[in-house]
Amino acid sequence: MMKLVVISGRSGSGKSTALQALEDVGFYCIDNLPARLLPDLIDQMLGDPEHPDQLAVSIDARNLVSNLHAFPGIIQTLSIRKDLSCEILYLDAAEPTLIKRYSATRRKHPLSDSQSGLREAIEYERTLLEGIASLADIRVDTTRLSLYELRDTIKLRIAQRSEQTLSVQFESFGFKHGVPLDVDFTFDVRMLPNPYWVPELRQFTGREQEVIAFLEKSPEVEEMVADIRDFLERWIPHFRRNNRSYVTVGIGCTGGQHRSVYIAERLAGHFSQLMDNVHVRHRELT
């Protein structure tokens, strides 16, 4: 069976970096493939006894609009093939970040012209790609990811995921910096005791013993951890039975330094004992 990863997302979100990361680990990669050619490409590759086991293609807004509209039907046809497993990776970032990236590189957006500026092109691109985004198996918010962090994320969550296993990521974040774009569940822990208001703890994070000891003294913290754990233990199996490959759980506090970090670590440690593919990321600590 050949594994196919379709990479899409708005321009500037990191598609080229993701494609390169998969190429580094052995995927046969094709950039900017016209969507209507995907079935013929699959037929040709699988018809060759020496075909690659892993294929990654980038399909984005440079396609003809008619190709993008046809994409959901194409994927539905490919999904029933027994000689192919298909996943869709959708990358995105906050619009101010996309604008900043384009301004820094001075590149021309593929959809901008004399009638529309960069901001309008980025918004139109989101509309064009809605059909692909709605089918994504995994979405990655690259707003606060460096190139190296994005490469590591792609390799950990996609390239190293065994077939038929569910990948779960716990992501801590600070609400004052915005909710991540790629989370499936969001848990708000701002009502818990805040180490930030203890002057001697402010310099530490939720991964350090000083903050851990403070939070472990609170019954409310233990209750919150238990409630989230029990909820996920109940519903994660439903994701697996529904053939979902990825789940991202967001844990948010005010600044993303203490409470959310601690709880994300606790949950990741617990579920790592139950599952093979569990990751933790602390957005504000990177």
C-alpha atoms as a PDB file:
ATOM      1  CA  MET A   1       0.000   0.000   0.000  1.00  0.00           C
ATOM      2  CA  MET A   2       1.231   3.475  -0.839  1.00  0.00           C
ATOM      3  CA  LYS A   3       0.826   6.376   1.567  1.00  0.00           C
ATOM      4  CA  LEU A   4      -0.288   9.680   0.033  1.00  0.00           C
ATOM      5  CA  VAL A   5      -0.044  13.003   1.875  1.00  0.00           C
ATOM      6  CA  VAL A   6      -1.721  15.993   0.240  1.00  0.00           C
ATOM      7  CA  ILE A   7      -0.303  19.287   1.519  1.00  0.00           C
ATOM      8  CA  SER A   8      -2.298  22.473   1.135  1.00  0.00           C
ATOM      9  CA  GLY A   9      -2.734  25.838   2.794  1.00  0.00           C
ATOM     10  CA  ARG A  10      -2.451  29.538   2.192  1.00  0.00           C
ATOM     11  CA  SER A  11       0.656  31.015   0.610  1.00  0.00           C
ATOM     12  CA  GLY A  12       3.265  31.796   3.249  1.00  0.00           C
ATOM     13  CA  SER A  13       1.988  29.178   5.692  1.00  0.00           C
ATOM     14  CA  GLY A  14       4.947  26.821   5.215  1.00  0.00           C
ATOM     15  CA  LYS A  15       3.881  24.354   2.519  1.00  0.00           C
ATOM     16  CA  SER A  16       7.322  24.233   0.919  1.00  0.00           C
ATOM     17  CA  THR A  17       8.953  23.603   4.283  1.00  0.00           C
ATOM     18  CA  ALA A  18       6.492  20.788   5.040  1.00  0.00           C
ATOM     19  CA  LEU A  19       7.115  19.212   1.641  1.00  0.00           C
ATOM     20  CA  GLN A  20      10.873  19.390   2.168  1.00  0.00           C
ATOM     21  CA  ALA A  21      10.509  17.795   5.615  1.00  0.00           C
ATOM     22  CA  LEU A  22       8.694  14.828   4.086  1.00  0.00           C
ATOM     23  CA  GLU A  23      11.251  14.589   1.286  1.00  0.00           C
ATOM     24  CA  ASP A  24      13.984  14.430   3.924  1.00  0.00           C
ATOM     25  CA  VAL A  25      12.411  11.283   5.402  1.00  0.00           C
ATOM     26  CA  GLY A  26      11.933   9.459   2.119  1.00  0.00           C
ATOM     27  CA  PHE A  27       8.706  10.737   0.544  1.00  0.00           C
ATOM     28  CA  TYR A  28       8.555  11.222  -3.220  1.00  0.00           C
ATOM     29  CA  CYS A  29       7.428  14.853  -3.427  1.00  0.00           C
ATOM     30  CA  ILE A  30       5.697  16.929  -6.101  1.00  0.00           C
ATOM     31  CA  ASP A  31       4.974  20.645  -5.721  1.00  0.00           C
ATOM     32  CA  ASN A  32       2.001  22.507  -7.239  1.00  0.00           C
ATOM     33  CA  LEU A  33       0.256  19.521  -8.786  1.00  0.00           C
ATOM     34  CA  PRO A  34      -2.944  20.308 -10.731  1.00  0.00           C
ATOM     35  CA  ALA A  35      -5.608  18.558  -8.661  1.00  0.00           C
ATOM     36  CA  ARG A  36      -7.277  16.837 -11.627  1.00  0.00           C
ATOM     37  CA  LEU A  37      -3.992  15.065 -12.410  1.00  0.00           C
ATOM     38  CA  LEU A  38      -3.839  13.368  -9.007  1.00  0.00           C
ATOM     39  CA  PRO A  39      -5.826  10.209  -9.964  1.00  0.00           C
ATOM     40  CA  ASP A  40      -3.699   9.687 -13.100  1.00  0.00           C
ATOM     41  CA  LEU A  41      -0.529  10.171 -11.069  1.00  0.00           C
ATOM     42  CA  ILE A  42      -1.664   7.565  -8.533  1.00  0.00           C
ATOM     43  CA  ASP A  43      -2.576   5.098 -11.288  1.00  0.00           C
ATOM     44  CA  GLN A  44       0.767   5.572 -12.976  1.00  0.00           C
ATOM     45  CA  MET A  45       2.763   5.164  -9.787  1.00  0.00           C
ATOM     46  CA  LEU A  46       0.889   2.150  -8.483  1.00  0.00           C
ATOM     47  CA  GLY A  47       1.164   0.553 -11.906  1.00  0.00           C
ATOM     48  CA  ASP A  48       4.936   0.569 -11.579  1.00  0.00           C
ATOM     49  CA  PRO A  49       6.266  -2.325  -9.461  1.00  0.00           C
ATOM     50  CA  GLU A  50       9.027  -0.027  -8.209  1.00  0.00           C
ATOM     51  CA  HIS A  51       6.666   2.757  -7.088  1.00  0.00           C
ATOM     52  CA  PRO A  52       7.576   4.687  -3.917  1.00  0.00           C
ATOM     53  CA  ASP A  53       5.859   3.671  -0.708  1.00  0.00           C
ATOM     54  CA  GLN A  54       5.294   7.294   0.293  1.00  0.00           C
ATOM     55  CA  LEU A  55       4.127  10.158  -1.894  1.00  0.00           C
ATOM     56  CA  ALA A  56       3.512  13.811  -0.956  1.00  0.00           C
ATOM     57  CA  VAL A  57       1.937  16.366  -3.280  1.00  0.00           C
ATOM     58  CA  SER A  58       1.261  20.060  -2.767  1.00  0.00           C
ATOM     59  CA  ILE A  59      -2.071  21.360  -4.092  1.00  0.00           C
ATOM     60  CA  ASP A  60      -2.823  25.006  -3.472  1.00  0.00           C
ATOM     61  CA  ALA A  61      -4.493  28.121  -4.815  1.00  0.00           C
ATOM     62  CA  ARG A  62      -2.218  28.220  -7.865  1.00  0.00           C
ATOM     63  CA  ASN A  63      -4.538  25.520  -9.271  1.00  0.00           C
ATOM     64  CA  LEU A  64      -7.352  26.424 -11.605  1.00  0.00           C
ATOM     65  CA  VAL A  65     -10.501  27.242  -9.647  1.00  0.00           C
ATOM     66  CA  SER A  66     -12.305  24.354 -11.370  1.00  0.00           C
ATOM     67  CA  ASN A  67      -9.601  21.969 -10.125  1.00  0.00           C
ATOM     68  CA  LEU A  68     -10.051  23.159  -6.542  1.00  0.00           C
ATOM     69  CA  HIS A  69     -13.825  22.708  -6.787  1.00  0.00           C
ATOM     70  CA  ALA A  70     -13.273  19.159  -8.056  1.00  0.00           C
ATOM     71  CA  PHE A  71     -10.890  18.249  -5.237  1.00  0.00           C
ATOM     72  CA  PRO A  72     -13.458  16.839  -2.733  1.00  0.00           C
ATOM     73  CA  GLY A  73     -14.779  14.403  -5.354  1.00  0.00           C
ATOM     74  CA  ILE A  74     -11.261  13.374  -6.320  1.00  0.00           C
ATOM     75  CA  ILE A  75     -10.332  12.611  -2.728  1.00  0.00           C
ATOM     76  CA  GLN A  76     -13.567  10.686  -2.181  1.00  0.00           C
ATOM     77  CA  THR A  77     -12.718   8.474  -5.160  1.00  0.00           C
ATOM     78  CA  LEU A  78      -9.158   7.899  -3.960  1.00  0.00           C
ATOM     79  CA  SER A  79     -10.248   7.158  -0.376  1.00  0.00           C
ATOM     80  CA  ILE A  80     -11.978   3.905  -1.377  1.00  0.00           C
ATOM     81  CA  ARG A  81      -8.882   2.437  -2.974  1.00  0.00           C
ATOM     82  CA  LYS A  82      -7.441  -0.463  -1.003  1.00  0.00           C
ATOM     83  CA  ASP A  83      -3.937   0.068  -2.352  1.00  0.00           C
ATOM     84  CA  LEU A  84      -3.709   3.644  -1.095  1.00  0.00           C
ATOM     85  CA  SER A  85      -3.954   5.452   2.242  1.00  0.00           C
ATOM     86  CA  CYS A  86      -4.534   9.184   1.988  1.00  0.00           C
ATOM     87  CA  GLU A  87      -4.090  12.026   4.474  1.00  0.00           C
ATOM     88  CA  ILE A  88      -4.610  15.748   3.984  1.00  0.00           C
ATOM     89  CA  LEU A  89      -2.378  18.235   5.803  1.00  0.00           C
ATOM     90  CA  TYR A  90      -3.587  21.836   5.856  1.00  0.00           C
ATOM     91  CA  LEU A  91      -1.251  24.606   6.984  1.00  0.00           C
ATOM     92  CA  ASP A  92      -2.398  28.052   7.976  1.00  0.00           C
ATOM     93  CA  ALA A  93      -1.318  31.103   9.946  1.00  0.00           C
ATOM     94  CA  ALA A  94      -2.936  34.257  11.271  1.00  0.00           C
ATOM     95  CA  GLU A  95      -3.417  36.844   8.541  1.00  0.00           C
ATOM     96  CA  PRO A  96      -1.105  39.462  10.153  1.00  0.00           C
ATOM     97  CA  THR A  97       1.625  36.808  10.167  1.00  0.00           C
ATOM     98  CA  LEU A  98       1.081  35.941   6.501  1.00  0.00           C
ATOM     99  CA  ILE A  99       1.222  39.625   5.597  1.00  0.00           C
ATOM    100  CA  LYS A 100       4.398  40.087   7.635  1.00  0.00           C
ATOM    101  CA  ARG A 101       6.055  37.097   5.954  1.00  0.00           C
ATOM    102  CA  TYR A 102       5.277  38.432   2.500  1.00  0.00           C
ATOM    103  CA  SER A 103       6.469  41.898   3.440  1.00  0.00           C
ATOM    104  CA  ALA A 104       9.740  40.457   4.730  1.00  0.00           C
ATOM    105  CA  THR A 105      10.433  38.443   1.566  1.00  0.00           C
ATOM    106  CA  ARG A 106       9.018  41.038  -0.865  1.00  0.00           C
ATOM    107  CA  ARG A 107       7.490  38.214  -2.882  1.00  0.00           C
ATOM    108  CA  LYS A 108       4.345  38.720  -4.941  1.00  0.00           C
ATOM    109  CA  HIS A 109       1.308  36.769  -3.739  1.00  0.00           C
ATOM    110  CA  PRO A 110       0.141  34.411  -6.529  1.00  0.00           C
ATOM    111  CA  LEU A 111      -3.392  35.836  -6.376  1.00  0.00           C
ATOM    112  CA  SER A 112      -2.561  39.536  -6.135  1.00  0.00           C
ATOM    113  CA  ASP A 113      -2.885  41.771  -9.180  1.00  0.00           C
ATOM    114  CA  SER A 114      -3.496  45.379 -10.134  1.00  0.00           C
ATOM    115  CA  GLN A 115      -7.040  45.141  -8.797  1.00  0.00           C
ATOM    116  CA  SER A 116      -6.329  43.564  -5.400  1.00  0.00           C
ATOM    117  CA  GLY A 117      -3.623  44.025  -2.796  1.00  0.00           C
ATOM    118  CA  LEU A 118      -1.923  41.534  -0.528  1.00  0.00           C
ATOM    119  CA  ARG A 119      -4.585  41.541   2.197  1.00  0.00           C
ATOM    120  CA  GLU A 120      -7.395  40.945  -0.310  1.00  0.00           C
ATOM    121  CA  ALA A 121      -5.427  38.153  -2.006  1.00  0.00           C
ATOM    122  CA  ILE A 122      -4.837  36.361   1.296  1.00  0.00           C
ATOM    123  CA  GLU A 123      -8.519  36.534   2.191  1.00  0.00           C
ATOM    124  CA  TYR A 124      -9.610  35.340  -1.268  1.00  0.00           C
ATOM    125  CA  GLU A 125      -7.155  32.457  -1.005  1.00  0.00           C
ATOM    126  CA  ARG A 126      -8.824  31.325   2.218  1.00  0.00           C
ATOM    127  CA  THR A 127     -12.153  31.178   0.383  1.00  0.00           C
ATOM    128  CA  LEU A 128     -10.694  29.230  -2.541  1.00  0.00           C
ATOM    129  CA  LEU A 129      -9.160  26.607  -0.268  1.00  0.00           C
ATOM    130  CA  GLU A 130     -12.169  26.067   2.022  1.00  0.00           C
ATOM    131  CA  GLY A 131     -13.039  22.813   0.234  1.00  0.00           C
ATOM    132  CA  ILE A 132      -9.615  21.362   0.982  1.00  0.00           C
ATOM    133  CA  ALA A 133      -9.401  22.782   4.502  1.00  0.00           C
ATOM    134  CA  SER A 134     -12.738  21.198   5.452  1.00  0.00           C
ATOM    135  CA  LEU A 135     -11.383  17.753   4.538  1.00  0.00           C
ATOM    136  CA  ALA A 136      -8.067  18.084   6.377  1.00  0.00           C
ATOM    137  CA  ASP A 137      -7.033  15.206   8.620  1.00  0.00           C
ATOM    138  CA  ILE A 138      -4.648  17.514  10.439  1.00  0.00           C
ATOM    139  CA  ARG A 139      -4.328  21.298  10.529  1.00  0.00           C
ATOM    140  CA  VAL A 140      -1.136  22.955  11.670  1.00  0.00           C
ATOM    141  CA  ASP A 141      -1.074  26.570  12.821  1.00  0.00           C
ATOM    142  CA  THR A 142       2.347  27.884  11.815  1.00  0.00           C
ATOM    143  CA  THR A 143       1.841  31.406  13.183  1.00  0.00           C
ATOM    144  CA  ARG A 144       4.409  30.970  15.946  1.00  0.00           C
ATOM    145  CA  LEU A 145       6.460  28.108  14.491  1.00  0.00           C
ATOM    146  CA  SER A 146       9.976  28.569  13.202  1.00  0.00           C
ATOM    147  CA  LEU A 147      11.040  26.651  10.092  1.00  0.00           C
ATOM    148  CA  TYR A 148      12.848  24.143  12.286  1.00  0.00           C
ATOM    149  CA  GLU A 149       9.858  23.657  14.577  1.00  0.00           C
ATOM    150  CA  LEU A 150       7.577  23.144  11.592  1.00  0.00           C
ATOM    151  CA  ARG A 151       9.909  20.523  10.141  1.00  0.00           C
ATOM    152  CA  ASP A 152      10.000  18.707  13.478  1.00  0.00           C
ATOM    153  CA  THR A 153       6.204  18.848  13.776  1.00  0.00           C
ATOM    154  CA  ILE A 154       5.717  17.340  10.311  1.00  0.00           C
ATOM    155  CA  LYS A 155       8.229  14.587  10.940  1.00  0.00           C
ATOM    156  CA  LEU A 156       6.845  13.694  14.370  1.00  0.00           C
ATOM    157  CA  ARG A 157       3.136  13.799  13.654  1.00  0.00           C
ATOM    158  CA  ILE A 158       2.978  12.603  10.043  1.00  0.00           C
ATOM    159  CA  ALA A 159       6.141  10.861   8.915  1.00  0.00           C
ATOM    160  CA  GLN A 160       6.614   8.846  12.123  1.00  0.00           C
ATOM    161  CA  ARG A 161       2.950   7.977  12.670  1.00  0.00           C
ATOM    162  CA  SER A 162       2.306   4.289  12.070  1.00  0.00           C
ATOM    163  CA  GLU A 163      -0.671   3.366   9.941  1.00  0.00           C
ATOM    164  CA  GLN A 164      -3.934   3.044  11.865  1.00  0.00           C
ATOM    165  CA  THR A 165      -2.563   4.794  14.954  1.00  0.00           C
ATOM    166  CA  LEU A 166      -4.030   7.979  16.359  1.00  0.00           C
ATOM    167  CA  SER A 167      -1.685  10.913  16.945  1.00  0.00           C
ATOM    168  CA  VAL A 168      -2.635  13.127  19.912  1.00  0.00           C
ATOM    169  CA  GLN A 169      -0.941  16.446  20.654  1.00  0.00           C
ATOM    170  CA  PHE A 170      -1.433  18.508  23.808  1.00  0.00           C
ATOM    171  CA  GLU A 171      -0.702  22.179  23.156  1.00  0.00           C
ATOM    172  CA  SER A 172      -0.466  24.802  25.903  1.00  0.00           C
ATOM    173  CA  PHE A 173      -1.041  28.418  24.986  1.00  0.00           C
ATOM    174  CA  GLY A 174      -1.876  31.858  26.384  1.00  0.00           C
ATOM    175  CA  PHE A 175      -5.272  33.343  25.613  1.00  0.00           C
ATOM    176  CA  LYS A 176      -3.762  36.817  25.490  1.00  0.00           C
ATOM    177  CA  HIS A 177      -1.823  35.685  22.406  1.00  0.00           C
ATOM    178  CA  GLY A 178      -4.876  34.172  20.711  1.00  0.00           C
ATOM    179  CA  VAL A 179      -6.341  30.675  20.476  1.00  0.00           C
ATOM    180  CA  PRO A 180      -4.393  28.317  18.149  1.00  0.00           C
ATOM    181  CA  LEU A 181      -6.025  27.747  14.767  1.00  0.00           C
ATOM    182  CA  ASP A 182      -5.434  24.002  14.747  1.00  0.00           C
ATOM    183  CA  VAL A 183      -6.967  22.665  17.975  1.00  0.00           C
ATOM    184  CA  ASP A 184      -9.871  20.184  18.054  1.00  0.00           C
ATOM    185  CA  PHE A 185     -10.636  20.752  21.748  1.00  0.00           C
ATOM    186  CA  THR A 186      -9.897  23.844  23.840  1.00  0.00           C
ATOM    187  CA  PHE A 187      -9.869  23.762  27.638  1.00  0.00           C
ATOM    188  CA  ASP A 188      -9.718  27.036  29.566  1.00  0.00           C
ATOM    189  CA  VAL A 189      -7.812  26.749  32.876  1.00  0.00           C
ATOM    190  CA  ARG A 190      -7.646  30.454  33.754  1.00  0.00           C
ATOM    191  CA  MET A 191      -9.851  29.951  36.808  1.00  0.00           C
ATOM    192  CA  LEU A 192      -7.129  27.952  38.575  1.00  0.00           C
ATOM    193  CA  PRO A 193      -4.646  29.489  41.058  1.00  0.00           C
ATOM    194  CA  ASN A 194      -2.090  31.495  39.106  1.00  0.00           C
ATOM    195  CA  PRO A 195       1.614  31.158  40.019  1.00  0.00           C
ATOM    196  CA  TYR A 196       2.267  34.416  38.169  1.00  0.00           C
ATOM    197  CA  TRP A 197       0.929  36.346  41.155  1.00  0.00           C
ATOM    198  CA  VAL A 198       3.482  34.726  43.462  1.00  0.00           C
ATOM    199  CA  PRO A 199       6.571  36.900  42.871  1.00  0.00           C
ATOM    200  CA  GLU A 200       9.096  34.165  43.567  1.00  0.00           C
ATOM    201  CA  LEU A 201       7.375  31.825  41.050  1.00  0.00           C
ATOM    202  CA  ARG A 202       6.903  34.260  38.182  1.00  0.00           C
ATOM    203  CA  GLN A 203      10.270  33.470  36.591  1.00  0.00           C
ATOM    204  CA  PHE A 204       9.559  29.737  36.371  1.00  0.00           C
ATOM    205  CA  THR A 205       7.344  27.739  33.997  1.00  0.00           C
ATOM    206  CA  GLY A 206       4.889  24.903  34.484  1.00  0.00           C
ATOM    207  CA  ARG A 207       7.641  22.409  33.710  1.00  0.00           C
ATOM    208  CA  GLU A 208       9.748  23.422  36.703  1.00  0.00           C
ATOM    209  CA  GLN A 209       9.457  21.948  40.176  1.00  0.00           C
ATOM    210  CA  GLU A 210       8.716  25.231  41.947  1.00  0.00           C
ATOM    211  CA  VAL A 211       5.526  25.771  39.936  1.00  0.00           C
ATOM    212  CA  ILE A 212       4.628  22.070  39.929  1.00  0.00           C
ATOM    213  CA  ALA A 213       4.746  21.986  43.737  1.00  0.00           C
ATOM    214  CA  PHE A 214       2.564  25.104  43.953  1.00  0.00           C
ATOM    215  CA  LEU A 215      -0.093  23.745  41.601  1.00  0.00           C
ATOM    216  CA  GLU A 216      -0.141  20.269  43.097  1.00  0.00           C
ATOM    217  CA  LYS A 217      -1.229  21.756  46.430  1.00  0.00           C
ATOM    218  CA  SER A 218      -4.524  22.909  44.890  1.00  0.00           C
ATOM    219  CA  PRO A 219      -7.486  20.493  44.879  1.00  0.00           C
ATOM    220  CA  GLU A 220      -8.998  22.507  42.022  1.00  0.00           C
ATOM    221  CA  VAL A 221      -6.003  21.774  39.821  1.00  0.00           C
ATOM    222  CA  GLU A 222      -6.267  18.057  40.488  1.00  0.00           C
ATOM    223  CA  GLU A 223      -9.991  18.151  39.764  1.00  0.00           C
ATOM    224  CA  MET A 224      -9.398  19.969  36.477  1.00  0.00           C
ATOM    225  CA  VAL A 225      -6.750  17.469  35.380  1.00  0.00           C
ATOM    226  CA  ALA A 226      -9.042  14.585  36.277  1.00  0.00           C
ATOM    227  CA  ASP A 227     -12.041  16.073  34.475  1.00  0.00           C
ATOM    228  CA  ILE A 228     -10.128  16.719  31.250  1.00  0.00           C
ATOM    229  CA  ARG A 229      -8.485  13.297  31.454  1.00  0.00           C
ATOM    230  CA  ASP A 230     -11.802  11.515  31.937  1.00  0.00           C
ATOM    231  CA  PHE A 231     -13.438  13.461  29.101  1.00  0.00           C
ATOM    232  CA  LEU A 232     -10.649  12.592  26.678  1.00  0.00           C
ATOM    233  CA  GLU A 233     -10.501   8.956  27.761  1.00  0.00           C
ATOM    234  CA  ARG A 234     -14.190   8.710  26.941  1.00  0.00           C
ATOM    235  CA  TRP A 235     -14.155  10.470  23.567  1.00  0.00           C
ATOM    236  CA  ILE A 236     -10.734   9.752  22.021  1.00  0.00           C
ATOM    237  CA  PRO A 237     -11.761   6.142  21.237  1.00  0.00           C
ATOM    238  CA  HIS A 238     -14.674   7.561  19.235  1.00  0.00           C
ATOM    239  CA  PHE A 239     -12.212   9.531  17.120  1.00  0.00           C
ATOM    240  CA  ARG A 240     -10.234   6.357  16.506  1.00  0.00           C
ATOM    241  CA  ARG A 241     -13.328   4.369  15.532  1.00  0.00           C
ATOM    242  CA  ASN A 242     -14.295   7.168  13.158  1.00  0.00           C
ATOM    243  CA  ASN A 243     -10.956   6.734  11.362  1.00  0.00           C
ATOM    244  CA  ARG A 244      -9.530  10.022  12.597  1.00  0.00           C
ATOM    245  CA  SER A 245      -5.752  10.079  12.495  1.00  0.00           C
ATOM    246  CA  TYR A 246      -4.999  13.230  14.497  1.00  0.00           C
ATOM    247  CA  VAL A 247      -6.381  15.055  17.534  1.00  0.00           C
ATOM    248  CA  THR A 248      -4.971  18.296  18.945  1.00  0.00           C
ATOM    249  CA  VAL A 249      -5.996  19.337  22.459  1.00  0.00           C
ATOM    250  CA  GLY A 250      -5.444  22.962  23.455  1.00  0.00           C
ATOM    251  CA  ILE A 251      -4.939  23.922  27.100  1.00  0.00           C
ATOM    252  CA  GLY A 252      -5.066  27.667  27.659  1.00  0.00           C
ATOM    253  CA  CYS A 253      -4.298  29.994  30.551  1.00  0.00           C
ATOM    254  CA  THR A 254      -3.650  33.729  30.521  1.00  0.00           C
ATOM    255  CA  GLY A 255      -0.011  33.871  29.440  1.00  0.00           C
ATOM    256  CA  GLY A 256       0.710  30.256  28.538  1.00  0.00           C
ATOM    257  CA  GLN A 257       3.646  29.962  30.960  1.00  0.00           C
ATOM    258  CA  HIS A 258       2.424  28.163  34.076  1.00  0.00           C
ATOM    259  CA  ARG A 259      -0.989  26.511  34.479  1.00  0.00           C
ATOM    260  CA  SER A 260      -1.557  25.424  30.891  1.00  0.00           C
ATOM    261  CA  VAL A 261       2.002  24.129  30.603  1.00  0.00           C
ATOM    262  CA  TYR A 262       1.678  22.077  33.774  1.00  0.00           C
ATOM    263  CA  ILE A 263      -1.668  20.544  32.804  1.00  0.00           C
ATOM    264  CA  ALA A 264      -0.552  19.782  29.246  1.00  0.00           C
ATOM    265  CA  GLU A 265       2.480  17.976  30.635  1.00  0.00           C
ATOM    266  CA  ARG A 266       0.324  16.010  33.085  1.00  0.00           C
ATOM    267  CA  LEU A 267      -2.108  14.937  30.369  1.00  0.00           C
ATOM    268  CA  ALA A 268       0.622  14.048  27.887  1.00  0.00           C
ATOM    269  CA  GLY A 269       2.338  11.931  30.526  1.00  0.00           C
ATOM    270  CA  HIS A 270      -0.896  10.089  31.309  1.00  0.00           C
ATOM    271  CA  PHE A 271      -1.894   9.397  27.711  1.00  0.00           C
ATOM    272  CA  SER A 272       1.641   8.389  26.731  1.00  0.00           C
ATOM    273  CA  GLN A 273       1.094   5.331  28.909  1.00  0.00           C
ATOM    274  CA  LEU A 274      -2.055   4.442  26.957  1.00  0.00           C
ATOM    275  CA  MET A 275      -1.107   5.357  23.383  1.00  0.00           C
ATOM    276  CA  ASP A 276       1.949   5.187  21.131  1.00  0.00           C
ATOM    277  CA  ASN A 277       1.824   8.580  19.416  1.00  0.00           C
ATOM    278  CA  VAL A 278       1.420  11.375  21.978  1.00  0.00           C
ATOM    279  CA  HIS A 279       3.177  14.746  21.762  1.00  0.00           C
ATOM    280  CA  VAL A 280       3.229  17.938  23.789  1.00  0.00           C
ATOM    281  CA  ARG A 281       3.940  21.450  22.583  1.00  0.00           C
ATOM    282  CA  HIS A 282       4.129  24.668  24.595  1.00  0.00           C
ATOM    283  CA  ARG A 283       3.420  27.467  22.141  1.00  0.00           C
ATOM    284  CA  GLU A 284       4.495  30.353  24.343  1.00  0.00           C
ATOM    285  CA  LEU A 285       7.701  28.664  25.494  1.00  0.00           C
ATOM    286  CA  THR A 286       9.160  28.261  22.009  1.00  0.00           C
END
